Amino acid sequence: LVRKAWQDGSVQHYEGEGGAEGGAERLLFKTLRDGSVQYYEGESGAERVVRCERPNEQVAYYEGERGAERLTRKTWKDGTEQEF
């Protein structure tokens, strides 16, 4: 696991070999400054956001290709769900 920290306070976590700028590394998740964690799926270079867990225990789910992800559902710890 390779970790890359940014000046804005976010931290990206990669899997694989070759460096975050190229090669076989794939983005797994990104921790944002507010404590949210975005999870990614897809091949290296085509990773897309699939889920975002927020500090208030809200979870947002996304579908779509990289750059065109759209929010499809939100859930809360108390079992409440909202679909889009």
Protein backbone atom coordinates (compact mmCIF):
# COMPACT_ATOMS: atom_id res chain seq x y z
CA LEU A 1 0.00 0.00 0.00
CA VAL A 2 1.39 3.38 -1.03
CA ARG A 3 0.24 6.57 0.65
CA LYS A 4 0.33 10.01 -1.00
CA ALA A 5 -0.48 13.13 1.07
CA TRP A 6 -1.61 16.38 -0.57
CA GLN A 7 -1.31 19.98 0.65
CA ASP A 8 -5.10 20.25 0.98
CA GLY A 9 -4.95 17.62 3.75
CA SER A 10 -6.29 14.72 1.69
CA VAL A 11 -4.45 11.40 1.58
CA GLN A 12 -4.68 8.88 -1.27
CA HIS A 13 -3.94 5.17 -0.79
CA TYR A 14 -2.76 3.07 -3.73
CA GLU A 15 -2.26 -0.66 -4.29
CA GLY A 16 0.33 -2.15 -6.60
CA GLU A 17 3.76 -1.23 -7.90
CA GLY A 18 5.18 1.51 -10.06
CA GLY A 19 4.41 4.80 -8.32
CA ALA A 20 1.21 6.82 -8.18
CA GLU A 21 2.06 8.73 -11.38
CA GLY A 22 2.06 5.72 -13.65
CA GLY A 23 2.45 2.01 -13.87
CA ALA A 24 0.31 -0.57 -12.16
CA GLU A 25 -0.79 1.32 -9.05
CA ARG A 26 -4.50 1.62 -8.48
CA LEU A 27 -6.29 4.13 -6.23
CA LEU A 28 -8.16 2.30 -3.46
CA PHE A 29 -9.40 5.09 -1.22
CA LYS A 30 -8.94 8.74 -0.39
CA THR A 31 -9.28 10.32 3.05
CA LEU A 32 -10.50 13.92 2.86
CA ARG A 33 -9.69 16.75 5.23
CA ASP A 34 -13.19 16.64 6.78
CA GLY A 35 -12.73 12.96 7.71
CA SER A 36 -14.77 11.56 4.82
CA VAL A 37 -13.38 8.49 3.04
CA GLN A 38 -14.02 7.95 -0.69
CA TYR A 39 -13.65 4.38 -2.00
CA TYR A 40 -12.71 3.60 -5.60
CA GLU A 41 -13.05 0.65 -7.98
CA GLY A 42 -11.68 0.06 -11.46
CA GLU A 43 -8.43 -0.51 -13.26
CA SER A 44 -5.41 1.75 -12.79
CA GLY A 45 -6.10 5.06 -14.51
CA ALA A 46 -9.84 4.40 -14.69
CA GLU A 47 -10.71 4.34 -10.99
CA ARG A 48 -14.16 5.69 -10.12
CA VAL A 49 -15.80 6.68 -6.84
CA VAL A 50 -18.25 4.01 -5.66
CA ARG A 51 -18.84 4.98 -2.02
CA CYS A 52 -18.20 7.86 0.36
CA GLU A 53 -18.39 7.40 4.13
CA ARG A 54 -18.85 10.67 6.04
CA PRO A 55 -17.98 11.39 9.69
CA ASN A 56 -21.72 11.83 10.49
CA GLU A 57 -22.10 8.11 9.61
CA GLN A 58 -23.86 8.86 6.33
CA VAL A 59 -22.81 6.65 3.41
CA ALA A 60 -23.29 7.80 -0.19
CA TYR A 61 -23.21 5.32 -3.09
CA TYR A 62 -22.26 6.21 -6.67
CA GLU A 63 -22.54 4.56 -10.10
CA GLY A 64 -21.01 5.46 -13.45
CA GLU A 65 -17.69 5.71 -15.18
CA ARG A 66 -14.80 7.84 -13.99
CA GLY A 67 -15.67 11.52 -14.22
CA ALA A 68 -19.37 10.75 -14.70
CA GLU A 69 -20.18 9.20 -11.32
CA ARG A 70 -23.67 9.96 -10.06
CA LEU A 71 -25.15 9.68 -6.59
CA THR A 72 -27.65 6.81 -6.45
CA ARG A 73 -28.35 6.28 -2.74
CA LYS A 74 -27.59 7.54 0.76
CA THR A 75 -27.89 5.57 3.98
CA TRP A 76 -27.66 6.59 7.64
CA LYS A 77 -26.76 4.61 10.75
CA ASP A 78 -30.39 4.66 11.96
CA GLY A 79 -31.43 2.69 8.85
CA THR A 80 -32.83 5.63 6.89
CA GLU A 81 -32.26 5.38 3.13
CA GLN A 82 -32.71 7.89 0.34
CA GLU A 83 -32.58 6.95 -3.35
CA PHE A 84 -31.85 9.28 -6.26
